[in-house]
């Protein structure tokens, strides 16, 4: 991940402006505050990314969907995730398990960025700092 320093406007406003300035680009902002349990994380991803009906609501299925996006007609995709620190905040097990699940989620995002390269941009806003997941 790379730290983004020069966001002159709010995170959401910057992501929305990217939508307006780019053609053939699907832009979505995921709300970390709506992803505080594993079930609500899958709900937010499913709704915001319009995941197909065969999405199995598990990490393997998410990994497959994030490297496909065949159901979205736009050629490029930008995903913004705000309030990342709130993801799995109310996790039903414990903090160690929550951290493990967050690492798996980040791995899914990293794999998708690695696979789709310039066709997928992922920005994460956490405690006022914005990061971009870059291909490895």
N, C-alpha and C. Protein backbone atom coordinates (compact mmCIF):
# COMPACT_ATOMS: atom_id res chain seq x y z
N UNK A 1 0.83 -1.18 0.00
CA UNK A 1 0.00 0.00 0.00
C UNK A 1 0.88 1.24 0.00
N UNK A 2 0.36 2.28 -0.57
CA UNK A 2 1.06 3.55 -0.65
C UNK A 2 0.21 4.62 0.03
N UNK A 3 0.83 5.42 0.86
CA UNK A 3 0.13 6.50 1.52
C UNK A 3 -0.12 7.64 0.52
N UNK A 4 -1.35 8.11 0.46
CA UNK A 4 -1.72 9.23 -0.39
C UNK A 4 -1.75 10.48 0.49
N UNK A 5 -1.01 11.47 0.14
CA UNK A 5 -0.90 12.64 1.00
C UNK A 5 -1.78 13.79 0.51
N UNK A 6 -1.91 13.98 -0.79
CA UNK A 6 -2.51 15.18 -1.34
C UNK A 6 -3.98 15.03 -1.74
N UNK A 7 -4.84 14.73 -0.79
CA UNK A 7 -6.27 14.78 -1.04
C UNK A 7 -6.74 16.12 -0.50
N UNK A 8 -6.95 17.09 -1.39
CA UNK A 8 -7.33 18.44 -0.98
C UNK A 8 -8.77 18.51 -0.48
N UNK A 9 -9.59 17.58 -0.91
CA UNK A 9 -11.01 17.58 -0.55
C UNK A 9 -11.30 16.36 0.30
N UNK A 10 -12.55 16.19 0.67
CA UNK A 10 -12.91 15.02 1.45
C UNK A 10 -12.70 13.76 0.62
N UNK A 11 -12.55 12.65 1.30
CA UNK A 11 -12.33 11.37 0.63
C UNK A 11 -13.46 11.07 -0.34
N UNK A 12 -14.71 11.17 0.13
CA UNK A 12 -15.86 10.87 -0.72
C UNK A 12 -15.93 11.81 -1.92
N UNK A 13 -15.68 13.10 -1.70
CA UNK A 13 -15.74 14.07 -2.78
C UNK A 13 -14.68 13.77 -3.84
N UNK A 14 -13.49 13.39 -3.41
CA UNK A 14 -12.42 13.06 -4.35
C UNK A 14 -12.78 11.85 -5.18
N UNK A 15 -13.33 10.81 -4.55
CA UNK A 15 -13.72 9.60 -5.27
C UNK A 15 -14.86 9.91 -6.24
N UNK A 16 -15.84 10.71 -5.80
CA UNK A 16 -16.96 11.07 -6.68
C UNK A 16 -16.46 11.88 -7.87
N UNK A 17 -15.51 12.79 -7.66
CA UNK A 17 -14.97 13.56 -8.77
C UNK A 17 -14.25 12.67 -9.77
N UNK A 18 -13.63 11.59 -9.29
CA UNK A 18 -13.00 10.63 -10.21
C UNK A 18 -14.06 10.02 -11.11
N UNK A 19 -15.24 9.73 -10.56
CA UNK A 19 -16.34 9.18 -11.35
C UNK A 19 -16.72 10.14 -12.46
N UNK A 20 -16.78 11.42 -12.14
CA UNK A 20 -17.20 12.42 -13.12
C UNK A 20 -16.14 12.68 -14.19
N UNK A 21 -14.86 12.50 -13.83
CA UNK A 21 -13.79 12.84 -14.76
C UNK A 21 -13.34 11.67 -15.64
N UNK A 22 -13.77 10.46 -15.33
CA UNK A 22 -13.32 9.29 -16.08
C UNK A 22 -14.48 8.67 -16.84
N UNK A 23 -14.24 8.30 -18.07
CA UNK A 23 -15.24 7.60 -18.86
C UNK A 23 -15.09 6.11 -18.63
N UNK A 24 -16.17 5.39 -18.80
CA UNK A 24 -16.14 3.93 -18.74
C UNK A 24 -15.58 3.41 -17.42
N UNK A 25 -15.89 4.12 -16.32
CA UNK A 25 -15.37 3.73 -15.01
C UNK A 25 -16.51 3.60 -14.02
N UNK A 26 -16.56 2.45 -13.35
CA UNK A 26 -17.52 2.18 -12.29
C UNK A 26 -16.87 2.59 -10.98
N UNK A 27 -17.50 3.49 -10.23
CA UNK A 27 -16.93 3.98 -8.99
C UNK A 27 -17.89 3.68 -7.85
N UNK A 28 -17.34 3.14 -6.77
CA UNK A 28 -18.16 2.81 -5.61
C UNK A 28 -17.42 3.20 -4.34
N UNK A 29 -18.18 3.70 -3.36
CA UNK A 29 -17.61 4.00 -2.05
C UNK A 29 -18.26 3.05 -1.04
N UNK A 30 -17.44 2.21 -0.42
CA UNK A 30 -17.89 1.30 0.62
C UNK A 30 -17.80 2.00 1.97
N UNK A 31 -18.78 1.79 2.80
CA UNK A 31 -18.85 2.44 4.11
C UNK A 31 -18.35 1.49 5.20
N UNK A 32 -17.19 1.78 5.78
CA UNK A 32 -16.65 0.95 6.84
C UNK A 32 -17.59 0.81 8.02
N UNK A 33 -18.34 1.87 8.32
CA UNK A 33 -19.27 1.82 9.44
C UNK A 33 -20.43 0.85 9.19
N UNK A 34 -20.63 0.45 7.94
CA UNK A 34 -21.65 -0.54 7.61
C UNK A 34 -21.07 -1.94 7.49
N UNK A 35 -19.81 -2.10 7.88
CA UNK A 35 -19.11 -3.38 7.71
C UNK A 35 -18.52 -3.84 9.04
N UNK A 36 -19.28 -3.70 10.13
CA UNK A 36 -18.74 -3.95 11.46
C UNK A 36 -18.80 -5.42 11.88
N UNK A 37 -19.55 -6.23 11.16
CA UNK A 37 -19.55 -7.67 11.38
C UNK A 37 -19.24 -8.34 10.04
N UNK A 38 -18.91 -9.59 10.08
CA UNK A 38 -18.62 -10.29 8.83
C UNK A 38 -19.84 -10.32 7.92
N UNK A 39 -21.01 -10.55 8.50
CA UNK A 39 -22.25 -10.55 7.71
C UNK A 39 -22.51 -9.19 7.08
N UNK A 40 -22.34 -8.12 7.86
CA UNK A 40 -22.59 -6.78 7.31
C UNK A 40 -21.52 -6.39 6.29
N UNK A 41 -20.30 -6.90 6.45
CA UNK A 41 -19.25 -6.66 5.46
C UNK A 41 -19.67 -7.26 4.12
N UNK A 42 -20.11 -8.52 4.14
CA UNK A 42 -20.57 -9.16 2.91
C UNK A 42 -21.80 -8.44 2.34
N UNK A 43 -22.71 -7.98 3.20
CA UNK A 43 -23.89 -7.24 2.74
C UNK A 43 -23.49 -5.97 1.99
N UNK A 44 -22.56 -5.20 2.57
CA UNK A 44 -22.12 -3.94 1.96
C UNK A 44 -21.43 -4.20 0.63
N UNK A 45 -20.55 -5.20 0.60
CA UNK A 45 -19.86 -5.54 -0.65
C UNK A 45 -20.85 -5.99 -1.72
N UNK A 46 -21.78 -6.83 -1.31
CA UNK A 46 -22.77 -7.37 -2.25
C UNK A 46 -23.62 -6.26 -2.85
N UNK A 47 -24.08 -5.34 -2.01
CA UNK A 47 -24.95 -4.26 -2.49
C UNK A 47 -24.17 -3.23 -3.31
N UNK A 48 -23.06 -2.75 -2.79
CA UNK A 48 -22.32 -1.67 -3.44
C UNK A 48 -21.67 -2.11 -4.74
N UNK A 49 -21.14 -3.33 -4.76
CA UNK A 49 -20.46 -3.82 -5.96
C UNK A 49 -21.40 -4.61 -6.87
N UNK A 50 -22.67 -4.69 -6.49
CA UNK A 50 -23.67 -5.42 -7.27
C UNK A 50 -23.17 -6.83 -7.60
N UNK A 51 -22.63 -7.51 -6.55
CA UNK A 51 -22.08 -8.84 -6.78
C UNK A 51 -23.16 -9.77 -7.32
N UNK A 52 -22.80 -10.69 -8.18
CA UNK A 52 -23.77 -11.58 -8.80
C UNK A 52 -24.41 -12.53 -7.79
N UNK A 53 -25.53 -13.10 -8.18
CA UNK A 53 -26.29 -13.97 -7.27
C UNK A 53 -25.51 -15.20 -6.83
N UNK A 54 -24.51 -15.59 -7.59
CA UNK A 54 -23.72 -16.77 -7.20
C UNK A 54 -22.64 -16.46 -6.16
N UNK A 55 -22.53 -15.19 -5.74
CA UNK A 55 -21.56 -14.84 -4.70
C UNK A 55 -21.88 -15.65 -3.45
N UNK A 56 -20.92 -16.42 -2.99
CA UNK A 56 -21.13 -17.36 -1.89
C UNK A 56 -20.94 -16.82 -0.49
N UNK A 57 -20.72 -15.50 -0.33
CA UNK A 57 -20.58 -14.88 0.98
C UNK A 57 -19.49 -15.54 1.81
N UNK A 58 -18.34 -15.75 1.19
CA UNK A 58 -17.15 -16.22 1.88
C UNK A 58 -15.93 -15.62 1.17
N UNK A 59 -14.77 -15.75 1.78
CA UNK A 59 -13.57 -15.10 1.24
C UNK A 59 -13.19 -15.63 -0.14
N UNK A 60 -13.29 -16.93 -0.36
CA UNK A 60 -12.94 -17.49 -1.67
C UNK A 60 -13.85 -16.94 -2.76
N UNK A 61 -15.13 -16.86 -2.46
CA UNK A 61 -16.09 -16.32 -3.43
C UNK A 61 -15.81 -14.83 -3.70
N UNK A 62 -15.48 -14.09 -2.64
CA UNK A 62 -15.16 -12.67 -2.82
C UNK A 62 -13.91 -12.52 -3.67
N UNK A 63 -12.91 -13.33 -3.41
CA UNK A 63 -11.67 -13.28 -4.18
C UNK A 63 -11.96 -13.51 -5.67
N UNK A 64 -12.80 -14.48 -5.97
CA UNK A 64 -13.16 -14.77 -7.37
C UNK A 64 -13.92 -13.61 -8.00
N UNK A 65 -14.87 -13.04 -7.26
CA UNK A 65 -15.66 -11.94 -7.81
C UNK A 65 -14.81 -10.69 -8.04
N UNK A 66 -13.89 -10.41 -7.13
CA UNK A 66 -13.07 -9.21 -7.25
C UNK A 66 -12.05 -9.28 -8.38
N UNK A 67 -11.80 -10.46 -8.89
CA UNK A 67 -10.87 -10.58 -10.03
C UNK A 67 -11.62 -10.81 -11.34
N UNK A 68 -12.94 -10.71 -11.30
CA UNK A 68 -13.76 -10.98 -12.49
C UNK A 68 -14.49 -9.72 -12.95
N UNK A 69 -15.47 -9.26 -12.20
CA UNK A 69 -16.29 -8.08 -12.50
C UNK A 69 -16.95 -8.15 -13.88
N UNK A 70 -17.20 -9.34 -14.41
CA UNK A 70 -17.81 -9.47 -15.74
C UNK A 70 -19.25 -8.93 -15.78
N UNK A 71 -19.90 -8.79 -14.64
CA UNK A 71 -21.27 -8.29 -14.59
C UNK A 71 -21.32 -6.76 -14.65
N UNK A 72 -20.17 -6.10 -14.58
CA UNK A 72 -20.11 -4.64 -14.68
C UNK A 72 -19.62 -4.28 -16.08
N UNK A 73 -20.36 -3.45 -16.76
CA UNK A 73 -20.03 -3.15 -18.16
C UNK A 73 -18.86 -2.19 -18.32
N UNK A 74 -18.59 -1.39 -17.30
CA UNK A 74 -17.48 -0.44 -17.40
C UNK A 74 -16.14 -1.19 -17.41
N UNK A 75 -15.18 -0.62 -18.11
CA UNK A 75 -13.87 -1.27 -18.25
C UNK A 75 -13.01 -1.11 -17.01
N UNK A 76 -13.17 0.00 -16.30
CA UNK A 76 -12.35 0.27 -15.13
C UNK A 76 -13.23 0.40 -13.89
N UNK A 77 -12.64 0.10 -12.74
CA UNK A 77 -13.38 0.13 -11.48
C UNK A 77 -12.53 0.85 -10.45
N UNK A 78 -13.17 1.74 -9.70
CA UNK A 78 -12.53 2.39 -8.56
C UNK A 78 -13.35 2.06 -7.33
N UNK A 79 -12.68 1.52 -6.32
CA UNK A 79 -13.32 1.21 -5.04
C UNK A 79 -12.69 2.10 -3.98
N UNK A 80 -13.53 2.85 -3.30
CA UNK A 80 -13.10 3.64 -2.15
C UNK A 80 -13.71 3.03 -0.90
N UNK A 81 -12.93 2.89 0.14
CA UNK A 81 -13.44 2.36 1.41
C UNK A 81 -13.14 3.39 2.48
N UNK A 82 -14.19 4.00 3.04
CA UNK A 82 -13.95 4.99 4.09
C UNK A 82 -14.13 4.36 5.47
N UNK A 83 -13.63 5.03 6.47
CA UNK A 83 -13.73 4.55 7.87
C UNK A 83 -13.26 3.10 8.00
N UNK A 84 -12.14 2.79 7.38
CA UNK A 84 -11.64 1.41 7.39
C UNK A 84 -11.42 0.89 8.80
N UNK A 85 -11.11 1.78 9.73
CA UNK A 85 -10.87 1.35 11.11
C UNK A 85 -12.12 0.77 11.77
N UNK A 86 -13.30 1.03 11.18
CA UNK A 86 -14.55 0.51 11.75
C UNK A 86 -14.92 -0.87 11.22
N UNK A 87 -14.19 -1.34 10.22
CA UNK A 87 -14.49 -2.66 9.65
C UNK A 87 -14.26 -3.74 10.69
N UNK A 88 -15.24 -4.59 10.86
CA UNK A 88 -15.24 -5.70 11.82
C UNK A 88 -15.02 -5.23 13.26
N UNK A 89 -15.43 -3.98 13.54
CA UNK A 89 -15.31 -3.40 14.87
C UNK A 89 -16.12 -4.18 15.90
N UNK A 90 -17.29 -4.64 15.52
CA UNK A 90 -18.15 -5.42 16.42
C UNK A 90 -18.03 -6.91 16.13
N UNK A 91 -16.82 -7.34 15.78
CA UNK A 91 -16.64 -8.73 15.37
C UNK A 91 -17.11 -9.66 16.48
N UNK A 92 -17.82 -10.72 16.07
CA UNK A 92 -18.47 -11.59 17.04
C UNK A 92 -17.53 -12.51 17.81
N UNK A 93 -16.26 -12.57 17.45
CA UNK A 93 -15.34 -13.46 18.16
C UNK A 93 -14.40 -12.66 19.06
N UNK A 94 -13.25 -12.30 18.58
CA UNK A 94 -12.29 -11.52 19.37
C UNK A 94 -11.41 -10.69 18.45
N UNK A 95 -10.60 -9.85 19.05
CA UNK A 95 -9.80 -8.91 18.27
C UNK A 95 -8.77 -9.63 17.40
N UNK A 96 -8.21 -10.72 17.89
CA UNK A 96 -7.24 -11.49 17.11
C UNK A 96 -7.91 -12.05 15.86
N UNK A 97 -9.09 -12.61 16.02
CA UNK A 97 -9.84 -13.15 14.88
C UNK A 97 -10.24 -12.02 13.93
N UNK A 98 -10.66 -10.89 14.48
CA UNK A 98 -11.03 -9.75 13.64
C UNK A 98 -9.85 -9.30 12.79
N UNK A 99 -8.67 -9.21 13.40
CA UNK A 99 -7.48 -8.81 12.66
C UNK A 99 -7.15 -9.81 11.56
N UNK A 100 -7.33 -11.09 11.84
CA UNK A 100 -7.10 -12.13 10.83
C UNK A 100 -8.06 -11.94 9.66
N UNK A 101 -9.33 -11.70 9.95
CA UNK A 101 -10.33 -11.50 8.90
C UNK A 101 -10.03 -10.24 8.08
N UNK A 102 -9.59 -9.18 8.74
CA UNK A 102 -9.24 -7.95 8.03
C UNK A 102 -8.05 -8.19 7.11
N UNK A 103 -7.07 -8.95 7.57
CA UNK A 103 -5.92 -9.30 6.73
C UNK A 103 -6.36 -10.09 5.50
N UNK A 104 -7.30 -11.00 5.68
CA UNK A 104 -7.81 -11.78 4.55
C UNK A 104 -8.53 -10.85 3.56
N UNK A 105 -9.32 -9.92 4.07
CA UNK A 105 -10.01 -8.95 3.22
C UNK A 105 -9.00 -8.13 2.43
N UNK A 106 -7.97 -7.63 3.10
CA UNK A 106 -6.92 -6.87 2.41
C UNK A 106 -6.20 -7.72 1.38
N UNK A 107 -5.97 -9.00 1.69
CA UNK A 107 -5.35 -9.91 0.72
C UNK A 107 -6.23 -10.07 -0.52
N UNK A 108 -7.55 -10.17 -0.33
CA UNK A 108 -8.48 -10.27 -1.47
C UNK A 108 -8.38 -9.02 -2.34
N UNK A 109 -8.34 -7.86 -1.70
CA UNK A 109 -8.21 -6.61 -2.45
C UNK A 109 -6.87 -6.54 -3.17
N UNK A 110 -5.79 -6.96 -2.50
CA UNK A 110 -4.47 -6.94 -3.11
C UNK A 110 -4.41 -7.87 -4.32
N UNK A 111 -4.97 -9.08 -4.18
CA UNK A 111 -4.99 -10.03 -5.30
C UNK A 111 -5.75 -9.46 -6.49
N UNK A 112 -6.87 -8.79 -6.21
CA UNK A 112 -7.67 -8.19 -7.29
C UNK A 112 -6.88 -7.10 -8.00
N UNK A 113 -6.20 -6.25 -7.24
CA UNK A 113 -5.39 -5.18 -7.83
C UNK A 113 -4.25 -5.77 -8.64
N UNK A 114 -3.62 -6.81 -8.11
CA UNK A 114 -2.52 -7.48 -8.84
C UNK A 114 -3.01 -8.06 -10.16
N UNK A 115 -4.19 -8.65 -10.13
CA UNK A 115 -4.76 -9.31 -11.32
C UNK A 115 -5.23 -8.31 -12.36
N UNK A 116 -5.93 -7.27 -11.91
CA UNK A 116 -6.56 -6.34 -12.85
C UNK A 116 -5.71 -5.11 -13.16
N UNK A 117 -4.64 -4.92 -12.43
CA UNK A 117 -3.66 -3.84 -12.62
C UNK A 117 -4.33 -2.48 -12.82
N UNK A 118 -4.18 -1.87 -13.98
CA UNK A 118 -4.68 -0.52 -14.21
C UNK A 118 -6.20 -0.43 -14.31
N UNK A 119 -6.88 -1.56 -14.38
CA UNK A 119 -8.34 -1.54 -14.49
C UNK A 119 -9.05 -1.49 -13.15
N UNK A 120 -8.29 -1.61 -12.05
CA UNK A 120 -8.87 -1.54 -10.71
C UNK A 120 -8.00 -0.68 -9.82
N UNK A 121 -8.62 0.32 -9.21
CA UNK A 121 -7.97 1.16 -8.21
C UNK A 121 -8.73 1.00 -6.91
N UNK A 122 -7.99 0.81 -5.82
CA UNK A 122 -8.61 0.68 -4.50
C UNK A 122 -7.96 1.70 -3.57
N UNK A 123 -8.81 2.56 -2.98
CA UNK A 123 -8.37 3.56 -2.03
C UNK A 123 -9.01 3.27 -0.68
N UNK A 124 -8.21 3.36 0.37
CA UNK A 124 -8.69 3.10 1.73
C UNK A 124 -8.44 4.35 2.56
N UNK A 125 -9.49 4.81 3.24
CA UNK A 125 -9.35 5.95 4.15
C UNK A 125 -9.49 5.39 5.57
N UNK A 126 -8.44 5.61 6.36
CA UNK A 126 -8.44 5.12 7.74
C UNK A 126 -7.92 6.22 8.66
N UNK A 127 -8.76 6.65 9.57
CA UNK A 127 -8.41 7.70 10.54
C UNK A 127 -7.84 8.94 9.84
N UNK A 128 -8.47 9.32 8.74
CA UNK A 128 -8.09 10.54 8.04
C UNK A 128 -6.92 10.40 7.07
N UNK A 129 -6.31 9.23 7.02
CA UNK A 129 -5.19 9.00 6.10
C UNK A 129 -5.69 8.12 4.96
N UNK A 130 -5.31 8.47 3.74
CA UNK A 130 -5.77 7.72 2.57
C UNK A 130 -4.60 6.92 1.99
N UNK A 131 -4.88 5.66 1.68
CA UNK A 131 -3.90 4.76 1.10
C UNK A 131 -4.44 4.23 -0.22
N UNK A 132 -3.56 3.93 -1.14
CA UNK A 132 -3.93 3.25 -2.37
C UNK A 132 -3.25 1.88 -2.35
N UNK A 133 -4.00 0.86 -2.68
CA UNK A 133 -3.41 -0.47 -2.82
C UNK A 133 -2.82 -0.55 -4.21
N UNK A 134 -1.53 -0.75 -4.28
CA UNK A 134 -0.82 -0.79 -5.54
C UNK A 134 -0.49 -2.22 -5.93
N UNK A 135 -0.40 -2.50 -7.24
CA UNK A 135 0.00 -3.86 -7.66
C UNK A 135 1.40 -4.17 -7.12
N UNK A 136 1.59 -5.42 -6.77
CA UNK A 136 2.92 -5.85 -6.29
C UNK A 136 3.75 -6.33 -7.44
